Amino acid sequence: MHKSDTEIKILGLSVTFPDKNGGDPIKALTDINLEIHEGEFISLVGPSGCGKTTLLRAIADLQEPTSGIISVKGMKPHEVRISQKYGFVFQSPVLYEWRTVLKNICLPMEVMGIPKKERDRRAEETLEMVGLSDFGKKYPHQLSGGMQQRVGIARALAIEPEILLMDEPFSALDEFTKEKLHVDLLRIWKKTNKTILFVTHNIQESVFLSDRVVVLSPHPGRVSNVVDIDIPRPRSLDSKDSPEFSKLVTKVRHSFEGV
C-alpha cells in the first residue's frame, strides 16, 4: 500500500434525503470516517443502496453533506472542484456523437479555456495512454463500448487532475473487455500516480485493482470494514488464481453487515 500524506479526510459524514412522498427522511450515509492517502487506489464496494455513489459525489462536490467534514489537501471539496483537481469517469462515457474522439477529449479543456495547442497535445497524449492513438479522428459510433469508455478515461485524464473519481465505469462491459481494461487502468495508474477512488459492486474487481477496499453496508450506508489488499504489484490476471486472492475476496464478502 502507498504510504504518504493524507489526501482526503472524511469525518462524521452523513447524507440524508427527504422522502418525496412526505415520509421520514432517507439516510443514505451515516457517520462515515475515512482517510485516503496520496497515490492510493481505493475501491468503494457494496450492494445497491449502500451509498457508494453518494459518497463519491459528496467528495466530488456534487452532493451536499447533511453533516460532517470532507477535507481534500486541506481544502473543501468545492475549492478542489473549482481548481479542477478532480477527474470524473461515469458509468457511461457520455460522448457527443457529432464530435470526433479527439474533440470529445478536448471539450472539458475548451470549457476551461486551455489554448488549442495545449488541448491537442494533452488529447493526443492521453489517447496514446489508453491505447487509442489511431482512433482520434473516429466518431463514437465507430467505437466499441470498451473503446468508448477508454475515451472517457482519456478525457478525465486530459485535464490533469490530481484525483480520479470513477463511478462503476466498467459495469456495462462484458467480462473479457472488463479484464483488459482492469490491466490497462492499473498501467495508467502506475504511470500517472493519481489517487483513484473507484466505485463498484463487483468484489473481485475491487480486490484486483485496489490497495484497500472500503466495504459499505446499507440501511443506512456505513463503513463496515476496510480491507488491506496485500497482493504484490504489478498484478496480472494470473493474480486472480492465487489462494491469497480468493481469501481476500472471501474477507470482503464477509465484511458486509445487514445485507
Protein backbone atom coordinates (compact mmCIF):
# COMPACT_ATOMS: atom_id res chain seq x y z
CA MET A 1 0.00 0.00 0.00
CA HIS A 2 1.19 3.53 -0.72
CA LYS A 3 2.37 5.33 2.41
CA SER A 4 2.25 9.07 2.03
CA ASP A 5 0.40 12.14 3.20
CA THR A 6 -3.34 12.01 3.77
CA GLU A 7 -5.06 13.49 0.72
CA ILE A 8 -8.74 13.04 1.59
CA LYS A 9 -10.06 13.05 5.16
CA ILE A 10 -13.71 12.34 5.93
CA LEU A 11 -15.05 12.84 9.47
CA GLY A 12 -18.58 12.02 10.63
CA LEU A 13 -20.07 12.36 7.17
CA SER A 14 -23.83 11.82 6.85
CA VAL A 15 -26.18 12.41 3.92
CA THR A 16 -29.97 12.40 4.32
CA PHE A 17 -32.50 12.80 1.51
CA PRO A 18 -36.09 13.99 2.07
CA ASP A 19 -38.78 11.45 1.20
CA LYS A 20 -40.65 12.60 -1.92
CA ASN A 21 -43.89 11.15 -0.55
CA GLY A 22 -43.68 13.08 2.69
CA GLY A 23 -42.46 10.19 4.84
CA ASP A 24 -39.43 10.01 7.08
CA PRO A 25 -36.15 11.28 5.59
CA ILE A 26 -33.95 8.62 3.97
CA LYS A 27 -30.48 8.21 5.46
CA ALA A 28 -28.15 7.46 2.54
CA LEU A 29 -24.95 7.63 4.59
CA THR A 30 -24.29 7.82 8.30
CA ASP A 31 -21.12 8.64 10.28
CA ILE A 32 -18.57 7.89 7.55
CA ASN A 33 -14.96 8.21 8.75
CA LEU A 34 -12.19 7.56 6.25
CA GLU A 35 -8.66 8.65 5.35
CA ILE A 36 -7.29 8.23 1.82
CA HIS A 37 -3.61 8.72 1.10
CA GLU A 38 -2.00 10.37 -1.89
CA GLY A 39 -1.44 7.91 -4.74
CA GLU A 40 -3.70 5.21 -3.31
CA PHE A 41 -6.14 3.12 -5.34
CA ILE A 42 -9.26 2.81 -3.18
CA SER A 43 -12.40 0.89 -4.12
CA LEU A 44 -15.79 1.59 -2.56
CA VAL A 45 -17.70 -1.68 -2.75
CA GLY A 46 -21.18 -2.65 -1.64
CA PRO A 47 -24.66 -3.65 -2.77
CA SER A 48 -27.17 -1.31 -4.40
CA GLY A 49 -28.44 1.29 -1.96
CA CYS A 50 -25.38 1.37 0.30
CA GLY A 51 -24.40 4.92 -0.69
CA LYS A 52 -21.24 4.25 -2.76
CA THR A 53 -22.07 6.79 -5.44
CA THR A 54 -23.45 9.25 -2.88
CA LEU A 55 -20.11 9.16 -1.06
CA LEU A 56 -18.20 9.69 -4.31
CA ARG A 57 -20.49 12.58 -5.25
CA ALA A 58 -20.02 14.19 -1.84
CA ILE A 59 -16.24 14.05 -2.26
CA ALA A 60 -16.62 15.49 -5.78
CA ASP A 61 -18.77 18.40 -4.55
CA LEU A 62 -21.76 17.08 -6.48
CA GLN A 63 -23.74 16.24 -3.33
CA GLU A 64 -24.09 18.43 -0.25
CA PRO A 65 -23.48 16.50 3.01
CA THR A 66 -26.10 16.80 5.74
CA SER A 67 -23.37 16.79 8.39
CA GLY A 68 -19.69 16.03 8.79
CA ILE A 69 -16.49 17.23 7.17
CA ILE A 70 -14.66 16.39 3.94
CA SER A 71 -11.15 17.78 3.58
CA VAL A 72 -9.10 17.34 0.39
CA LYS A 73 -5.50 18.53 0.75
CA GLY A 74 -6.78 20.81 3.48
CA MET A 75 -9.42 22.32 1.19
CA LYS A 76 -13.17 21.97 0.91
CA PRO A 77 -14.48 19.81 -1.99
CA HIS A 78 -15.92 22.92 -3.65
CA GLU A 79 -12.49 24.58 -3.71
CA VAL A 80 -10.95 21.41 -5.16
CA ARG A 81 -13.59 21.15 -7.89
CA ILE A 82 -13.26 24.81 -8.85
CA SER A 83 -9.48 24.39 -9.12
CA GLN A 84 -10.09 21.42 -11.48
CA LYS A 85 -8.22 18.85 -9.42
CA TYR A 86 -10.92 16.19 -9.97
CA GLY A 87 -11.33 13.96 -12.99
CA PHE A 88 -14.64 12.05 -13.16
CA VAL A 89 -15.35 8.86 -15.12
CA PHE A 90 -19.03 7.87 -15.19
CA GLN A 91 -20.80 4.55 -15.86
CA SER A 92 -21.47 5.77 -19.39
CA PRO A 93 -18.79 7.79 -21.23
CA VAL A 94 -21.41 10.32 -22.46
CA LEU A 95 -19.66 11.17 -25.72
CA TYR A 96 -21.06 13.64 -28.25
CA GLU A 97 -21.78 11.74 -31.46
CA TRP A 98 -21.06 14.75 -33.72
CA ARG A 99 -17.57 15.28 -32.28
CA THR A 100 -14.55 13.16 -33.11
CA VAL A 101 -12.80 11.24 -30.36
CA LEU A 102 -10.11 13.92 -30.08
CA LYS A 103 -12.69 16.71 -29.94
CA ASN A 104 -14.64 14.83 -27.24
CA ILE A 105 -11.48 14.64 -25.15
CA CYS A 106 -10.81 18.34 -25.76
CA LEU A 107 -14.29 19.52 -24.71
CA PRO A 108 -13.65 19.98 -20.94
CA MET A 109 -10.37 21.74 -21.74
CA GLU A 110 -12.22 24.09 -24.09
CA VAL A 111 -14.55 24.98 -21.24
CA MET A 112 -11.51 25.57 -19.01
CA GLY A 113 -10.05 27.97 -21.57
CA ILE A 114 -6.91 25.95 -22.27
CA PRO A 115 -5.24 27.07 -25.54
CA LYS A 116 -5.84 24.85 -28.58
CA LYS A 117 -2.21 23.79 -29.00
CA GLU A 118 -2.08 22.57 -25.40
CA ARG A 119 -5.51 20.90 -25.71
CA ASP A 120 -4.38 18.96 -28.75
CA ARG A 121 -1.14 17.90 -27.07
CA ARG A 122 -2.91 16.59 -23.99
CA ALA A 123 -5.64 14.87 -26.01
CA GLU A 124 -3.12 13.02 -28.17
CA GLU A 125 -1.02 12.12 -25.14
CA THR A 126 -3.92 10.68 -23.15
CA LEU A 127 -5.30 8.91 -26.22
CA GLU A 128 -1.97 7.15 -26.56
CA MET A 129 -2.06 6.32 -22.84
CA VAL A 130 -5.37 4.46 -23.23
CA GLY A 131 -4.20 2.69 -26.39
CA LEU A 132 -6.32 4.54 -28.95
CA SER A 133 -3.75 6.63 -30.83
CA ASP A 134 -5.15 5.57 -34.20
CA PHE A 135 -8.76 6.48 -33.38
CA GLY A 136 -8.59 10.24 -32.75
CA LYS A 137 -10.44 11.11 -35.96
CA LYS A 138 -13.13 8.46 -35.49
CA TYR A 139 -16.62 9.19 -34.15
CA PRO A 140 -18.13 7.49 -31.07
CA HIS A 141 -20.50 5.27 -33.10
CA GLN A 142 -17.44 3.75 -34.78
CA LEU A 143 -16.06 2.50 -31.45
CA SER A 144 -16.95 -0.48 -29.26
CA GLY A 145 -18.28 0.05 -25.73
CA GLY A 146 -14.87 -0.66 -24.24
CA MET A 147 -13.18 1.79 -26.57
CA GLN A 148 -15.74 4.48 -25.74
CA GLN A 149 -15.02 4.01 -22.05
CA ARG A 150 -11.30 4.39 -22.77
CA VAL A 151 -12.13 7.74 -24.37
CA GLY A 152 -13.99 8.68 -21.18
CA ILE A 153 -10.89 7.86 -19.14
CA ALA A 154 -8.66 9.83 -21.53
CA ARG A 155 -11.00 12.83 -21.27
CA ALA A 156 -10.81 12.72 -17.46
CA LEU A 157 -7.01 12.45 -17.51
CA ALA A 158 -6.55 15.22 -20.07
CA ILE A 159 -7.48 17.95 -17.58
CA GLU A 160 -4.52 16.67 -15.49
CA PRO A 161 -6.46 16.06 -12.26
CA GLU A 162 -4.82 15.04 -9.01
CA ILE A 163 -7.71 12.75 -8.05
CA LEU A 164 -9.59 10.42 -10.40
CA LEU A 165 -13.15 9.53 -9.36
CA MET A 166 -14.65 6.51 -11.16
CA ASP A 167 -18.30 5.51 -10.72
CA GLU A 168 -18.75 1.86 -11.86
CA PRO A 169 -17.04 2.66 -15.17
CA PHE A 170 -16.89 -0.96 -16.37
CA SER A 171 -20.24 -2.28 -15.14
CA ALA A 172 -21.87 -2.36 -18.59
CA LEU A 173 -19.00 -4.18 -20.30
CA ASP A 174 -18.52 -7.89 -20.97
CA GLU A 175 -16.04 -9.80 -18.80
CA PHE A 176 -13.33 -10.05 -21.48
CA THR A 177 -13.34 -6.31 -22.15
CA LYS A 178 -13.57 -5.56 -18.45
CA GLU A 179 -10.49 -7.65 -17.62
CA LYS A 180 -8.47 -5.95 -20.36
CA LEU A 181 -9.46 -2.54 -19.02
CA HIS A 182 -8.53 -3.58 -15.47
CA VAL A 183 -4.97 -4.27 -16.60
CA ASP A 184 -4.89 -1.05 -18.65
CA LEU A 185 -6.20 1.02 -15.74
CA LEU A 186 -3.50 -0.31 -13.40
CA ARG A 187 -0.86 0.53 -16.01
CA ILE A 188 -2.21 4.08 -16.35
CA TRP A 189 -2.43 4.48 -12.58
CA LYS A 190 1.18 3.41 -12.14
CA LYS A 191 2.31 5.82 -14.85
CA THR A 192 0.34 8.84 -13.61
CA ASN A 193 0.42 8.17 -9.83
CA LYS A 194 -3.09 9.59 -9.45
CA THR A 195 -5.19 8.98 -6.37
CA ILE A 196 -8.11 6.85 -7.59
CA LEU A 197 -11.49 6.29 -5.92
CA PHE A 198 -13.32 3.52 -7.74
CA VAL A 199 -16.97 2.62 -7.09
CA THR A 200 -18.04 -0.95 -7.85
CA HIS A 201 -20.40 -3.68 -6.69
CA ASN A 202 -18.03 -6.34 -8.03
CA ILE A 203 -15.93 -7.81 -5.20
CA GLN A 204 -13.34 -9.48 -7.45
CA GLU A 205 -12.87 -6.24 -9.37
CA SER A 206 -12.28 -4.31 -6.16
CA VAL A 207 -9.72 -6.80 -4.85
CA PHE A 208 -7.79 -6.99 -8.12
CA LEU A 209 -7.45 -3.21 -8.54
CA SER A 210 -7.09 -1.80 -5.06
CA ASP A 211 -4.66 -1.01 -2.29
CA ARG A 212 -7.62 -1.02 0.10
CA VAL A 213 -11.28 -1.93 -0.27
CA VAL A 214 -13.79 0.14 1.70
CA VAL A 215 -16.83 -2.06 2.35
CA LEU A 216 -20.13 -0.20 2.67
CA SER A 217 -23.30 -1.79 4.05
CA PRO A 218 -26.78 -0.31 3.59
CA HIS A 219 -29.74 0.81 5.72
CA PRO A 220 -28.23 3.34 6.28
CA GLY A 221 -24.93 3.37 4.37
CA ARG A 222 -21.92 2.97 6.64
CA VAL A 223 -18.37 1.65 6.56
CA SER A 224 -18.46 -1.98 7.69
CA ASN A 225 -14.78 -2.68 7.12
CA VAL A 226 -11.65 -1.51 5.33
CA VAL A 227 -9.69 -4.43 3.88
CA ASP A 228 -6.00 -4.08 3.03
CA ILE A 229 -5.15 -5.78 -0.27
CA ASP A 230 -1.58 -7.02 0.09
CA ILE A 231 -1.30 -8.87 -3.22
CA PRO A 232 2.07 -7.86 -4.75
CA ARG A 233 2.18 -5.38 -7.60
CA PRO A 234 2.43 -5.29 -10.57
CA ARG A 235 -0.61 -7.54 -10.86
CA SER A 236 -1.66 -9.64 -13.83
CA LEU A 237 -4.83 -11.61 -14.48
CA ASP A 238 -2.97 -14.64 -13.12
CA SER A 239 -3.08 -12.94 -9.70
CA LYS A 240 -6.75 -13.90 -9.55
CA ASP A 241 -5.79 -17.60 -9.47
CA SER A 242 -3.79 -17.31 -6.25
CA PRO A 243 -5.07 -18.57 -2.87
CA GLU A 244 -4.36 -15.09 -1.44
CA PHE A 245 -6.75 -13.51 -3.94
CA SER A 246 -9.53 -15.97 -3.05
CA LYS A 247 -9.02 -15.35 0.67
CA LEU A 248 -9.30 -11.59 0.21
CA VAL A 249 -12.46 -11.93 -1.91
CA THR A 250 -13.97 -14.03 0.88
CA LYS A 251 -12.86 -11.50 3.50
CA VAL A 252 -14.53 -8.64 1.63
CA ARG A 253 -17.69 -10.69 1.08
CA HIS A 254 -17.91 -11.48 4.79
CA SER A 255 -17.46 -7.82 5.75
CA PHE A 256 -20.97 -6.77 4.77
CA GLU A 257 -23.44 -6.19 7.57
CA GLY A 258 -27.22 -6.19 7.44
CA VAL A 259 -27.41 -7.12 3.75
